[in-house]
C-alpha atoms as a PDB file:
ATOM      1  CA  UNK A   1       8.356 -40.736 -45.193  1.00  0.00           C
ATOM      2  CA  UNK A   2       8.263 -44.347 -46.922  1.00  0.00           C
ATOM      3  CA  UNK A   3       7.119 -47.787 -45.789  1.00  0.00           C
ATOM      4  CA  UNK A   4      10.029 -49.900 -45.320  1.00  0.00           C
ATOM      5  CA  UNK A   5       7.584 -52.457 -47.395  1.00  0.00           C
ATOM      6  CA  UNK A   6       8.127 -50.405 -50.119  1.00  0.00           C
ATOM      7  CA  UNK A   7      11.842 -49.842 -49.728  1.00  0.00           C
ATOM      8  CA  UNK A   8      12.053 -53.704 -49.129  1.00  0.00           C
ATOM      9  CA  UNK A   9      10.949 -54.275 -52.727  1.00  0.00           C
ATOM     10  CA  UNK A  10      13.280 -52.203 -54.274  1.00  0.00           C
ATOM     11  CA  UNK A  11      16.163 -53.975 -52.408  1.00  0.00           C
ATOM     12  CA  UNK A  12      14.910 -57.306 -53.323  1.00  0.00           C
ATOM     13  CA  UNK A  13      14.769 -56.079 -57.003  1.00  0.00           C
ATOM     14  CA  UNK A  14      18.681 -54.974 -56.339  1.00  0.00           C
ATOM     15  CA  UNK A  15      19.739 -58.249 -55.016  1.00  0.00           C
ATOM     16  CA  UNK A  16      18.475 -59.864 -57.762  1.00  0.00           C
ATOM     17  CA  UNK A  17      20.629 -58.261 -60.213  1.00  0.00           C
ATOM     18  CA  UNK A  18      24.022 -59.382 -59.712  1.00  0.00           C
ATOM     19  CA  UNK A  19      25.422 -56.209 -61.291  1.00  0.00           C
ATOM     20  CA  UNK A  20      24.417 -53.895 -58.048  1.00  0.00           C
ATOM     21  CA  UNK A  21      26.829 -53.502 -55.355  1.00  0.00           C
ATOM     22  CA  UNK A  22      26.312 -52.836 -51.579  1.00  0.00           C
ATOM     23  CA  UNK A  23      28.261 -50.785 -48.771  1.00  0.00           C
ATOM     24  CA  UNK A  24      27.398 -50.556 -45.097  1.00  0.00           C
ATOM     25  CA  UNK A  25      29.150 -48.513 -42.720  1.00  0.00           C
ATOM     26  CA  UNK A  26      30.553 -44.844 -42.802  1.00  0.00           C
ATOM     27  CA  UNK A  27      32.590 -42.383 -43.943  1.00  0.00           C
ATOM     28  CA  UNK A  28      35.952 -43.850 -43.240  1.00  0.00           C
ATOM     29  CA  UNK A  29      35.045 -47.561 -42.454  1.00  0.00           C
ATOM     30  CA  UNK A  30      32.871 -49.597 -44.996  1.00  0.00           C
ATOM     31  CA  UNK A  31      32.744 -52.388 -46.047  1.00  0.00           C
ATOM     32  CA  UNK A  32      31.167 -53.422 -49.900  1.00  0.00           C
ATOM     33  CA  UNK A  33      29.845 -56.411 -51.572  1.00  0.00           C
ATOM     34  CA  UNK A  34      29.577 -57.194 -54.975  1.00  0.00           C
ATOM     35  CA  UNK A  35      29.522 -60.473 -57.096  1.00  0.00           C
ATOM     36  CA  UNK A  36      29.947 -61.779 -60.453  1.00  0.00           C
ATOM     37  CA  UNK A  37      26.959 -62.850 -62.793  1.00  0.00           C
ATOM     38  CA  UNK A  38      28.618 -66.655 -62.781  1.00  0.00           C
ATOM     39  CA  UNK A  39      29.014 -66.615 -59.219  1.00  0.00           C
ATOM     40  CA  UNK A  40      26.840 -68.720 -56.675  1.00  0.00           C
ATOM     41  CA  UNK A  41      24.610 -66.647 -54.704  1.00  0.00           C
ATOM     42  CA  UNK A  42      22.183 -68.243 -52.128  1.00  0.00           C
ATOM     43  CA  UNK A  43      19.569 -65.986 -51.001  1.00  0.00           C
ATOM     44  CA  UNK A  44      19.320 -65.543 -47.125  1.00  0.00           C
ATOM     45  CA  UNK A  45      16.061 -67.351 -45.656  1.00  0.00           C
ATOM     46  CA  UNK A  46      16.288 -65.928 -41.839  1.00  0.00           C
ATOM     47  CA  UNK A  47      14.170 -62.873 -42.747  1.00  0.00           C
ATOM     48  CA  UNK A  48      16.911 -60.751 -43.525  1.00  0.00           C
ATOM     49  CA  UNK A  49      17.227 -59.280 -47.098  1.00  0.00           C
ATOM     50  CA  UNK A  50      20.405 -60.482 -48.449  1.00  0.00           C
ATOM     51  CA  UNK A  51      22.326 -63.108 -50.473  1.00  0.00           C
ATOM     52  CA  UNK A  52      25.821 -65.179 -49.641  1.00  0.00           C
ATOM     53  CA  UNK A  53      28.275 -65.958 -51.955  1.00  0.00           C
ATOM     54  CA  UNK A  54      31.544 -67.774 -51.103  1.00  0.00           C
ATOM     55  CA  UNK A  55      33.627 -64.883 -50.949  1.00  0.00           C
ATOM     56  CA  UNK A  56      31.128 -62.786 -48.549  1.00  0.00           C
ATOM     57  CA  UNK A  57      27.741 -61.374 -48.427  1.00  0.00           C
ATOM     58  CA  UNK A  58      25.226 -58.824 -47.302  1.00  0.00           C
ATOM     59  CA  UNK A  59      21.943 -59.439 -44.897  1.00  0.00           C
ATOM     60  CA  UNK A  60      19.951 -56.414 -44.431  1.00  0.00           C
ATOM     61  CA  UNK A  61      17.164 -55.318 -41.714  1.00  0.00           C
ATOM     62  CA  UNK A  62      14.743 -52.589 -41.987  1.00  0.00           C
ATOM     63  CA  UNK A  63      13.749 -50.675 -38.877  1.00  0.00           C
ATOM     64  CA  UNK A  64      10.453 -48.879 -39.201  1.00  0.00           C
ATOM     65  CA  UNK A  65      12.312 -45.380 -39.224  1.00  0.00           C
ATOM     66  CA  UNK A  66      14.383 -46.797 -42.005  1.00  0.00           C
ATOM     67  CA  UNK A  67      13.902 -44.394 -45.476  1.00  0.00           C
ATOM     68  CA  UNK A  68      15.775 -44.061 -49.074  1.00  0.00           C
ATOM     69  CA  UNK A  69      17.251 -41.739 -50.818  1.00  0.00           C
ATOM     70  CA  UNK A  70      18.557 -41.333 -54.685  1.00  0.00           C
ATOM     71  CA  UNK A  71      21.239 -39.079 -55.790  1.00  0.00           C
ATOM     72  CA  UNK A  72      23.956 -38.263 -58.483  1.00  0.00           C
ATOM     73  CA  UNK A  73      26.979 -36.594 -57.912  1.00  0.00           C
ATOM     74  CA  UNK A  74      29.435 -35.044 -60.432  1.00  0.00           C
ATOM     75  CA  UNK A  75      32.578 -36.700 -60.650  1.00  0.00           C
ATOM     76  CA  UNK A  76      35.171 -35.362 -63.021  1.00  0.00           C
ATOM     77  CA  UNK A  77      33.996 -35.852 -66.197  1.00  0.00           C
ATOM     78  CA  UNK A  78      31.556 -38.409 -65.313  1.00  0.00           C
ATOM     79  CA  UNK A  79      29.058 -39.007 -62.136  1.00  0.00           C
ATOM     80  CA  UNK A  80      28.273 -41.550 -59.595  1.00  0.00           C
ATOM     81  CA  UNK A  81      25.069 -42.568 -58.364  1.00  0.00           C
ATOM     82  CA  UNK A  82      23.760 -44.586 -55.450  1.00  0.00           C
ATOM     83  CA  UNK A  83      20.478 -45.260 -53.047  1.00  0.00           C
ATOM     84  CA  UNK A  84      21.503 -44.541 -49.648  1.00  0.00           C
ATOM     85  CA  UNK A  85      19.624 -46.368 -46.725  1.00  0.00           C
ATOM     86  CA  UNK A  86      19.236 -43.761 -43.823  1.00  0.00           C
ATOM     87  CA  UNK A  87      17.957 -43.429 -40.414  1.00  0.00           C
ATOM     88  CA  UNK A  88      16.998 -40.487 -38.093  1.00  0.00           C
ATOM     89  CA  UNK A  89      20.194 -38.942 -36.439  1.00  0.00           C
ATOM     90  CA  UNK A  90      20.518 -40.321 -32.868  1.00  0.00           C
ATOM     91  CA  UNK A  91      18.757 -43.650 -33.855  1.00  0.00           C
ATOM     92  CA  UNK A  92      19.467 -46.251 -31.230  1.00  0.00           C
ATOM     93  CA  UNK A  93      22.235 -48.808 -32.798  1.00  0.00           C
ATOM     94  CA  UNK A  94      23.488 -50.823 -29.971  1.00  0.00           C
ATOM     95  CA  UNK A  95      25.916 -50.753 -28.008  1.00  0.00           C
ATOM     96  CA  UNK A  96      29.290 -48.967 -29.074  1.00  0.00           C
ATOM     97  CA  UNK A  97      32.584 -50.140 -28.188  1.00  0.00           C
ATOM     98  CA  UNK A  98      35.960 -48.194 -28.048  1.00  0.00           C
ATOM     99  CA  UNK A  99      38.323 -51.348 -27.485  1.00  0.00           C
ATOM    100  CA  UNK A 100      38.587 -54.689 -28.896  1.00  0.00           C
ATOM    101  CA  UNK A 101      36.258 -56.972 -27.453  1.00  0.00           C
ATOM    102  CA  UNK A 102      35.613 -60.835 -27.475  1.00  0.00           C
ATOM    103  CA  UNK A 103      31.676 -61.102 -28.496  1.00  0.00           C
ATOM    104  CA  UNK A 104      31.607 -64.656 -28.595  1.00  0.00           C
ATOM    105  CA  UNK A 105      30.131 -66.950 -31.078  1.00  0.00           C
ATOM    106  CA  UNK A 106      28.756 -65.163 -34.412  1.00  0.00           C
ATOM    107  CA  UNK A 107      25.018 -65.798 -34.168  1.00  0.00           C
ATOM    108  CA  UNK A 108      24.228 -63.218 -36.842  1.00  0.00           C
ATOM    109  CA  UNK A 109      26.447 -64.954 -39.475  1.00  0.00           C
ATOM    110  CA  UNK A 110      24.651 -64.869 -42.752  1.00  0.00           C
ATOM    111  CA  UNK A 111      25.606 -68.730 -42.726  1.00  0.00           C
ATOM    112  CA  UNK A 112      24.291 -71.267 -40.566  1.00  0.00           C
ATOM    113  CA  UNK A 113      27.777 -73.194 -40.324  1.00  0.00           C
ATOM    114  CA  UNK A 114      29.897 -69.728 -39.913  1.00  0.00           C
ATOM    115  CA  UNK A 115      28.021 -69.141 -36.591  1.00  0.00           C
ATOM    116  CA  UNK A 116      30.216 -71.230 -34.190  1.00  0.00           C
ATOM    117  CA  UNK A 117      32.967 -68.854 -34.949  1.00  0.00           C
ATOM    118  CA  UNK A 118      34.444 -66.054 -32.342  1.00  0.00           C
ATOM    119  CA  UNK A 119      33.470 -62.646 -33.465  1.00  0.00           C
ATOM    120  CA  UNK A 120      35.580 -59.654 -32.232  1.00  0.00           C
ATOM    121  CA  UNK A 121      34.532 -55.923 -32.208  1.00  0.00           C
ATOM    122  CA  UNK A 122      37.922 -54.175 -33.244  1.00  0.00           C
ATOM    123  CA  UNK A 123      36.913 -51.240 -30.999  1.00  0.00           C
ATOM    124  CA  UNK A 124      36.689 -48.035 -33.424  1.00  0.00           C
ATOM    125  CA  UNK A 125      34.085 -46.820 -30.879  1.00  0.00           C
ATOM    126  CA  UNK A 126      31.420 -46.104 -34.147  1.00  0.00           C
ATOM    127  CA  UNK A 127      27.854 -45.476 -33.682  1.00  0.00           C
ATOM    128  CA  UNK A 128      27.110 -46.123 -37.595  1.00  0.00           C
ATOM    129  CA  UNK A 129      28.975 -49.499 -37.635  1.00  0.00           C
ATOM    130  CA  UNK A 130      31.269 -52.238 -35.951  1.00  0.00           C
ATOM    131  CA  UNK A 131      33.858 -53.504 -37.983  1.00  0.00           C
ATOM    132  CA  UNK A 132      34.411 -56.937 -36.576  1.00  0.00           C
ATOM    133  CA  UNK A 133      36.829 -59.628 -37.313  1.00  0.00           C
ATOM    134  CA  UNK A 134      35.353 -63.421 -37.060  1.00  0.00           C
ATOM    135  CA  UNK A 135      37.601 -66.398 -36.842  1.00  0.00           C
ATOM    136  CA  UNK A 136      37.491 -70.114 -35.301  1.00  0.00           C
ATOM    137  CA  UNK A 137      41.455 -70.484 -36.202  1.00  0.00           C
ATOM    138  CA  UNK A 138      43.029 -71.325 -32.685  1.00  0.00           C
ATOM    139  CA  UNK A 139      46.259 -68.677 -33.368  1.00  0.00           C
ATOM    140  CA  UNK A 140      44.130 -66.319 -34.525  1.00  0.00           C
ATOM    141  CA  UNK A 141      41.802 -66.377 -31.470  1.00  0.00           C
ATOM    142  CA  UNK A 142      44.813 -65.934 -29.040  1.00  0.00           C
ATOM    143  CA  UNK A 143      46.348 -62.926 -31.351  1.00  0.00           C
ATOM    144  CA  UNK A 144      42.695 -61.243 -30.881  1.00  0.00           C
ATOM    145  CA  UNK A 145      42.360 -62.058 -27.204  1.00  0.00           C
ATOM    146  CA  UNK A 146      45.486 -60.631 -26.473  1.00  0.00           C
ATOM    147  CA  UNK A 147      44.851 -57.539 -28.279  1.00  0.00           C
ATOM    148  CA  UNK A 148      41.355 -57.241 -26.174  1.00  0.00           C
ATOM    149  CA  UNK A 149      41.320 -54.047 -24.312  1.00  0.00           C
ATOM    150  CA  UNK A 150      43.256 -51.750 -26.965  1.00  0.00           C
ATOM    151  CA  UNK A 151      41.622 -49.618 -29.202  1.00  0.00           C
ATOM    152  CA  UNK A 152      41.002 -49.259 -32.616  1.00  0.00           C
ATOM    153  CA  UNK A 153      42.394 -52.702 -34.510  1.00  0.00           C
ATOM    154  CA  UNK A 154      43.010 -51.888 -38.084  1.00  0.00           C
ATOM    155  CA  UNK A 155      42.356 -55.231 -40.200  1.00  0.00           C
ATOM    156  CA  UNK A 156      45.955 -54.017 -41.739  1.00  0.00           C
ATOM    157  CA  UNK A 157      47.485 -54.232 -38.186  1.00  0.00           C
ATOM    158  CA  UNK A 158      50.801 -55.747 -38.218  1.00  0.00           C
ATOM    159  CA  UNK A 159      49.769 -57.999 -34.837  1.00  0.00           C
ATOM    160  CA  UNK A 160      47.168 -59.927 -37.227  1.00  0.00           C
ATOM    161  CA  UNK A 161      50.044 -60.484 -39.839  1.00  0.00           C
ATOM    162  CA  UNK A 162      50.883 -63.837 -38.769  1.00  0.00           C
ATOM    163  CA  UNK A 163      47.384 -65.236 -39.203  1.00  0.00           C
ATOM    164  CA  UNK A 164      46.226 -66.962 -42.553  1.00  0.00           C
ATOM    165  CA  UNK A 165      44.287 -64.648 -45.056  1.00  0.00           C
ATOM    166  CA  UNK A 166      41.908 -67.593 -45.145  1.00  0.00           C
ATOM    167  CA  UNK A 167      41.183 -68.025 -41.566  1.00  0.00           C
ATOM    168  CA  UNK A 168      39.743 -64.417 -41.193  1.00  0.00           C
ATOM    169  CA  UNK A 169      36.229 -63.100 -42.277  1.00  0.00           C
ATOM    170  CA  UNK A 170      35.585 -59.076 -42.013  1.00  0.00           C
ATOM    171  CA  UNK A 171      32.355 -58.438 -40.385  1.00  0.00           C
ATOM    172  CA  UNK A 172      30.938 -54.929 -40.405  1.00  0.00           C
ATOM    173  CA  UNK A 173      27.538 -54.680 -38.786  1.00  0.00           C
ATOM    174  CA  UNK A 174      25.278 -52.000 -38.220  1.00  0.00           C
ATOM    175  CA  UNK A 175      21.594 -51.016 -37.262  1.00  0.00           C
ATOM    176  CA  UNK A 176      20.742 -51.780 -41.070  1.00  0.00           C
ATOM    177  CA  UNK A 177      22.257 -55.141 -41.025  1.00  0.00           C
ATOM    178  CA  UNK A 178      25.839 -56.733 -41.866  1.00  0.00           C
ATOM    179  CA  UNK A 179      27.924 -57.173 -44.624  1.00  0.00           C
ATOM    180  CA  UNK A 180      30.683 -59.692 -44.532  1.00  0.00           C
ATOM    181  CA  UNK A 181      34.220 -60.251 -46.706  1.00  0.00           C
ATOM    182  CA  UNK A 182      36.134 -63.631 -46.478  1.00  0.00           C
ATOM    183  CA  UNK A 183      39.783 -63.256 -45.597  1.00  0.00           C
ATOM    184  CA  UNK A 184      40.488 -64.652 -49.698  1.00  0.00           C
ATOM    185  CA  UNK A 185      37.564 -62.474 -51.429  1.00  0.00           C
ATOM    186  CA  UNK A 186      40.299 -62.078 -54.196  1.00  0.00           C
ATOM    187  CA  UNK A 187      40.026 -59.129 -56.609  1.00  0.00           C
ATOM    188  CA  UNK A 188      36.693 -57.907 -57.991  1.00  0.00           C
ATOM    189  CA  UNK A 189      34.544 -59.076 -55.025  1.00  0.00           C
ATOM    190  CA  UNK A 190      33.877 -57.949 -51.445  1.00  0.00           C
ATOM    191  CA  UNK A 191      36.146 -55.883 -49.655  1.00  0.00           C
ATOM    192  CA  UNK A 192      36.682 -53.588 -46.481  1.00  0.00           C
ATOM    193  CA  UNK A 193      38.390 -50.557 -45.632  1.00  0.00           C
ATOM    194  CA  UNK A 194      38.997 -48.479 -42.266  1.00  0.00           C
ATOM    195  CA  UNK A 195      41.096 -45.372 -42.664  1.00  0.00           C
ATOM    196  CA  UNK A 196      41.699 -43.665 -39.019  1.00  0.00           C
ATOM    197  CA  UNK A 197      42.442 -40.372 -40.982  1.00  0.00           C
ATOM    198  CA  UNK A 198      39.387 -40.140 -42.498  1.00  0.00           C
ATOM    199  CA  UNK A 199      37.396 -41.066 -39.383  1.00  0.00           C
ATOM    200  CA  UNK A 200      39.034 -38.501 -37.401  1.00  0.00           C
ATOM    201  CA  UNK A 201      36.779 -36.108 -39.833  1.00  0.00           C
ATOM    202  CA  UNK A 202      33.967 -37.285 -37.706  1.00  0.00           C
ATOM    203  CA  UNK A 203      31.905 -37.349 -41.124  1.00  0.00           C
ATOM    204  CA  UNK A 204      28.782 -39.364 -41.820  1.00  0.00           C
ATOM    205  CA  UNK A 205      29.120 -39.300 -44.971  1.00  0.00           C
ATOM    206  CA  UNK A 206      30.587 -37.679 -48.212  1.00  0.00           C
ATOM    207  CA  UNK A 207      30.043 -33.881 -48.754  1.00  0.00           C
ATOM    208  CA  UNK A 208      28.796 -34.453 -51.880  1.00  0.00           C
ATOM    209  CA  UNK A 209      25.875 -36.410 -51.226  1.00  0.00           C
ATOM    210  CA  UNK A 210      22.939 -34.367 -50.653  1.00  0.00           C
ATOM    211  CA  UNK A 211      21.387 -36.389 -47.639  1.00  0.00           C
ATOM    212  CA  UNK A 212      18.419 -34.452 -45.824  1.00  0.00           C
ATOM    213  CA  UNK A 213      19.591 -32.760 -42.593  1.00  0.00           C
ATOM    214  CA  UNK A 214      18.387 -34.699 -40.102  1.00  0.00           C
ATOM    215  CA  UNK A 215      19.184 -38.126 -41.658  1.00  0.00           C
ATOM    216  CA  UNK A 216      22.472 -40.697 -41.251  1.00  0.00           C
ATOM    217  CA  UNK A 217      23.228 -42.921 -44.389  1.00  0.00           C
ATOM    218  CA  UNK A 218      24.344 -46.295 -42.736  1.00  0.00           C
ATOM    219  CA  UNK A 219      24.059 -48.821 -45.967  1.00  0.00           C
ATOM    220  CA  UNK A 220      24.088 -48.081 -50.189  1.00  0.00           C
ATOM    221  CA  UNK A 221      22.825 -50.035 -52.963  1.00  0.00           C
ATOM    222  CA  UNK A 222      24.706 -49.031 -55.922  1.00  0.00           C
ATOM    223  CA  UNK A 223      22.721 -49.847 -59.071  1.00  0.00           C
ATOM    224  CA  UNK A 224      24.551 -50.606 -62.455  1.00  0.00           C
ATOM    225  CA  UNK A 225      26.293 -47.548 -63.585  1.00  0.00           C
ATOM    226  CA  UNK A 226      25.590 -46.464 -67.264  1.00  0.00           C
ATOM    227  CA  UNK A 227      28.970 -45.932 -68.642  1.00  0.00           C
ATOM    228  CA  UNK A 228      31.171 -47.959 -65.847  1.00  0.00           C
ATOM    229  CA  UNK A 229      31.848 -51.503 -65.226  1.00  0.00           C
ATOM    230  CA  UNK A 230      32.095 -53.189 -61.951  1.00  0.00           C
ATOM    231  CA  UNK A 231      35.901 -52.267 -62.333  1.00  0.00           C
ATOM    232  CA  UNK A 232      34.971 -48.583 -62.622  1.00  0.00           C
ATOM    233  CA  UNK A 233      36.342 -49.076 -66.167  1.00  0.00           C
ATOM    234  CA  UNK A 234      34.445 -47.067 -68.904  1.00  0.00           C
ATOM    235  CA  UNK A 235      31.827 -48.736 -70.975  1.00  0.00           C
ATOM    236  CA  UNK A 236      29.576 -47.994 -74.045  1.00  0.00           C
ATOM    237  CA  UNK A 237      26.578 -45.755 -72.563  1.00  0.00           C
ATOM    238  CA  UNK A 238      23.777 -48.143 -71.738  1.00  0.00           C
ATOM    239  CA  UNK A 239      20.442 -46.360 -72.029  1.00  0.00           C
ATOM    240  CA  UNK A 240      18.546 -48.923 -70.080  1.00  0.00           C
ATOM    241  CA  UNK A 241      20.680 -49.188 -67.040  1.00  0.00           C
ATOM    242  CA  UNK A 242      20.326 -44.671 -67.245  1.00  0.00           C
ATOM    243  CA  UNK A 243      16.938 -44.974 -67.477  1.00  0.00           C
ATOM    244  CA  UNK A 244      16.234 -47.532 -64.720  1.00  0.00           C
ATOM    245  CA  UNK A 245      18.478 -45.113 -62.565  1.00  0.00           C
ATOM    246  CA  UNK A 246      16.482 -42.031 -63.616  1.00  0.00           C
ATOM    247  CA  UNK A 247      12.645 -43.994 -62.471  1.00  0.00           C
ATOM    248  CA  UNK A 248      14.984 -44.512 -59.055  1.00  0.00           C
ATOM    249  CA  UNK A 249      15.995 -40.681 -58.809  1.00  0.00           C
ATOM    250  CA  UNK A 250      12.232 -39.560 -59.878  1.00  0.00           C
ATOM    251  CA  UNK A 251      10.290 -41.868 -56.728  1.00  0.00           C
ATOM    252  CA  UNK A 252      13.277 -41.439 -53.922  1.00  0.00           C
ATOM    253  CA  UNK A 253      15.388 -38.662 -55.109  1.00  0.00           C
ATOM    254  CA  UNK A 254      15.481 -34.565 -53.791  1.00  0.00           C
ATOM    255  CA  UNK A 255      12.416 -33.606 -55.564  1.00  0.00           C
ATOM    256  CA  UNK A 256      13.828 -30.081 -56.092  1.00  0.00           C
ATOM    257  CA  UNK A 257      17.066 -31.162 -57.276  1.00  0.00           C
ATOM    258  CA  UNK A 258      15.359 -33.872 -59.427  1.00  0.00           C
ATOM    259  CA  UNK A 259      13.048 -30.880 -60.963  1.00  0.00           C
ATOM    260  CA  UNK A 260      16.143 -28.688 -61.452  1.00  0.00           C
ATOM    261  CA  UNK A 261      17.559 -31.725 -63.448  1.00  0.00           C
ATOM    262  CA  UNK A 262      14.457 -31.487 -65.637  1.00  0.00           C
ATOM    263  CA  UNK A 263      14.316 -27.882 -66.124  1.00  0.00           C
ATOM    264  CA  UNK A 264      18.204 -28.377 -67.332  1.00  0.00           C
ATOM    265  CA  UNK A 265      16.992 -31.011 -69.849  1.00  0.00           C
ATOM    266  CA  UNK A 266      14.126 -28.682 -70.961  1.00  0.00           C
ATOM    267  CA  UNK A 267      11.216 -30.513 -69.175  1.00  0.00           C
ATOM    268  CA  UNK A 268       9.672 -27.957 -66.501  1.00  0.00           C
ATOM    269  CA  UNK A 269      10.569 -25.027 -64.765  1.00  0.00           C
ATOM    270  CA  UNK A 270      13.344 -23.925 -62.862  1.00  0.00           C
ATOM    271  CA  UNK A 271      12.437 -24.681 -58.982  1.00  0.00           C
ATOM    272  CA  UNK A 272      12.768 -21.906 -56.602  1.00  0.00           C
ATOM    273  CA  UNK A 273      15.940 -22.838 -55.090  1.00  0.00           C
ATOM    274  CA  UNK A 274      19.367 -21.030 -54.293  1.00  0.00           C
ATOM    275  CA  UNK A 275      22.640 -22.237 -55.786  1.00  0.00           C
ATOM    276  CA  UNK A 276      24.717 -24.477 -53.694  1.00  0.00           C
ATOM    277  CA  UNK A 277      27.188 -27.513 -54.107  1.00  0.00           C
ATOM    278  CA  UNK A 278      24.388 -29.984 -54.743  1.00  0.00           C
ATOM    279  CA  UNK A 279      22.532 -27.743 -57.416  1.00  0.00           C
ATOM    280  CA  UNK A 280      25.585 -26.941 -59.132  1.00  0.00           C
ATOM    281  CA  UNK A 281      26.415 -30.824 -59.357  1.00  0.00           C
ATOM    282  CA  UNK A 282      23.266 -31.583 -60.974  1.00  0.00           C
ATOM    283  CA  UNK A 283      23.179 -29.212 -63.750  1.00  0.00           C
ATOM    284  CA  UNK A 284      26.966 -30.436 -64.342  1.00  0.00           C
ATOM    285  CA  UNK A 285      25.608 -34.268 -64.026  1.00  0.00           C
ATOM    286  CA  UNK A 286      22.727 -33.187 -66.808  1.00  0.00           C
ATOM    287  CA  UNK A 287      24.906 -31.780 -68.965  1.00  0.00           C
ATOM    288  CA  UNK A 288      26.917 -35.015 -69.141  1.00  0.00           C
ATOM    289  CA  UNK A 289      24.105 -37.041 -69.846  1.00  0.00           C
ATOM    290  CA  UNK A 290      22.668 -34.686 -72.147  1.00  0.00           C
ATOM    291  CA  UNK A 291      25.980 -35.435 -74.148  1.00  0.00           C
ATOM    292  CA  UNK A 292      25.633 -39.197 -73.683  1.00  0.00           C
ATOM    293  CA  UNK A 293      22.036 -39.447 -74.598  1.00  0.00           C
ATOM    294  CA  UNK A 294      22.523 -37.155 -78.018  1.00  0.00           C
ATOM    295  CA  UNK A 295      25.595 -39.351 -78.796  1.00  0.00           C
ATOM    296  CA  UNK A 296      23.392 -42.294 -78.644  1.00  0.00           C
ATOM    297  CA  UNK A 297      20.022 -41.069 -80.526  1.00  0.00           C
ATOM    298  CA  UNK A 298      21.764 -38.555 -82.836  1.00  0.00           C
ATOM    299  CA  UNK A 299      18.695 -38.093 -84.790  1.00  0.00           C
ATOM    300  CA  UNK A 300      15.288 -37.226 -82.888  1.00  0.00           C
ATOM    301  CA  UNK A 301      13.597 -39.699 -85.502  1.00  0.00           C
ATOM    302  CA  UNK A 302      15.786 -42.109 -83.787  1.00  0.00           C
ATOM    303  CA  UNK A 303      15.128 -41.444 -80.246  1.00  0.00           C
ATOM    304  CA  UNK A 304      13.543 -44.226 -77.983  1.00  0.00           C
ATOM    305  CA  UNK A 305       9.964 -43.394 -76.602  1.00  0.00           C
ATOM    306  CA  UNK A 306      11.571 -41.912 -73.492  1.00  0.00           C
ATOM    307  CA  UNK A 307      13.776 -39.967 -75.294  1.00  0.00           C
ATOM    308  CA  UNK A 308      11.692 -38.580 -78.354  1.00  0.00           C
ATOM    309  CA  UNK A 309      12.533 -34.956 -77.481  1.00  0.00           C
ATOM    310  CA  UNK A 310      15.938 -33.558 -78.954  1.00  0.00           C
ATOM    311  CA  UNK A 311      17.783 -32.731 -75.754  1.00  0.00           C
ATOM    312  CA  UNK A 312      18.710 -29.076 -75.199  1.00  0.00           C
ATOM    313  CA  UNK A 313      22.504 -28.461 -74.725  1.00  0.00           C
ATOM    314  CA  UNK A 314      22.739 -27.794 -71.247  1.00  0.00           C
ATOM    315  CA  UNK A 315      25.797 -25.204 -70.314  1.00  0.00           C
ATOM    316  CA  UNK A 316      29.174 -25.751 -68.450  1.00  0.00           C
ATOM    317  CA  UNK A 317      28.983 -24.413 -64.717  1.00  0.00           C
ATOM    318  CA  UNK A 318      31.645 -23.494 -62.822  1.00  0.00           C
ATOM    319  CA  UNK A 319      31.883 -24.705 -59.182  1.00  0.00           C
END
């Protein structure tokens, strides 16, 4: 297991990059933080790793048990990638509340000026995260106090409709820290969701993510994608972004899956691993990326140093 100081260095580099996105929560309830390049981002100075902007912020802490896993997953005719921040299954993340509960002033707010706002746990009873609302607005406080004792208050609940968006801040907290989403964050900025039908599945993460048994992901770092922008729209393939994530994958990924991908690209022996959904996904991602690299470097003589070999054609695989 890797030391937290190394993970901390990795996160600091990601926080310095405006194109890196972050999420915290569980399957069906999560907050996401992203910022634009021209947005004022202030680093936290209270010991947490994070930044805060006018639209929200992220603040991370790293218990000694924290570890990281990088992975790629096939997604249609493209792929996604992420670095999952995980804790051992059963890690004690604190009190779990199954009803709306007033917690008092938000001493953990990312901005000191927000710490007099009153925090309410929305009562979803989740071990991985606690979706909360913070406000200092008298009308909002009255509505939330009236809801105390009831279970699972969705942020979209009609009872909250009379509250001006600017009077509420969504706060998702967990064992690895928090993400805050201002009520008027707007398109392209931080956002959050709670989907009760997905929560009922009881999963800690998507089945397509190759998280090792015994670990639970609580937060994710999502470095910039080589062929998508922040709005998920296709862009020209960026080789530097591709190479940057391959470095993460080599250091933090599943060694067998990484070896399989290298084999698919003609760079090593095939590992002795039985086929499963994750190996099939790796083969597909290798094919897709091989096509992108081949298009970027059509002639072997034009390859950059890291791509000096002509890439083999990776065959299609059936699911």
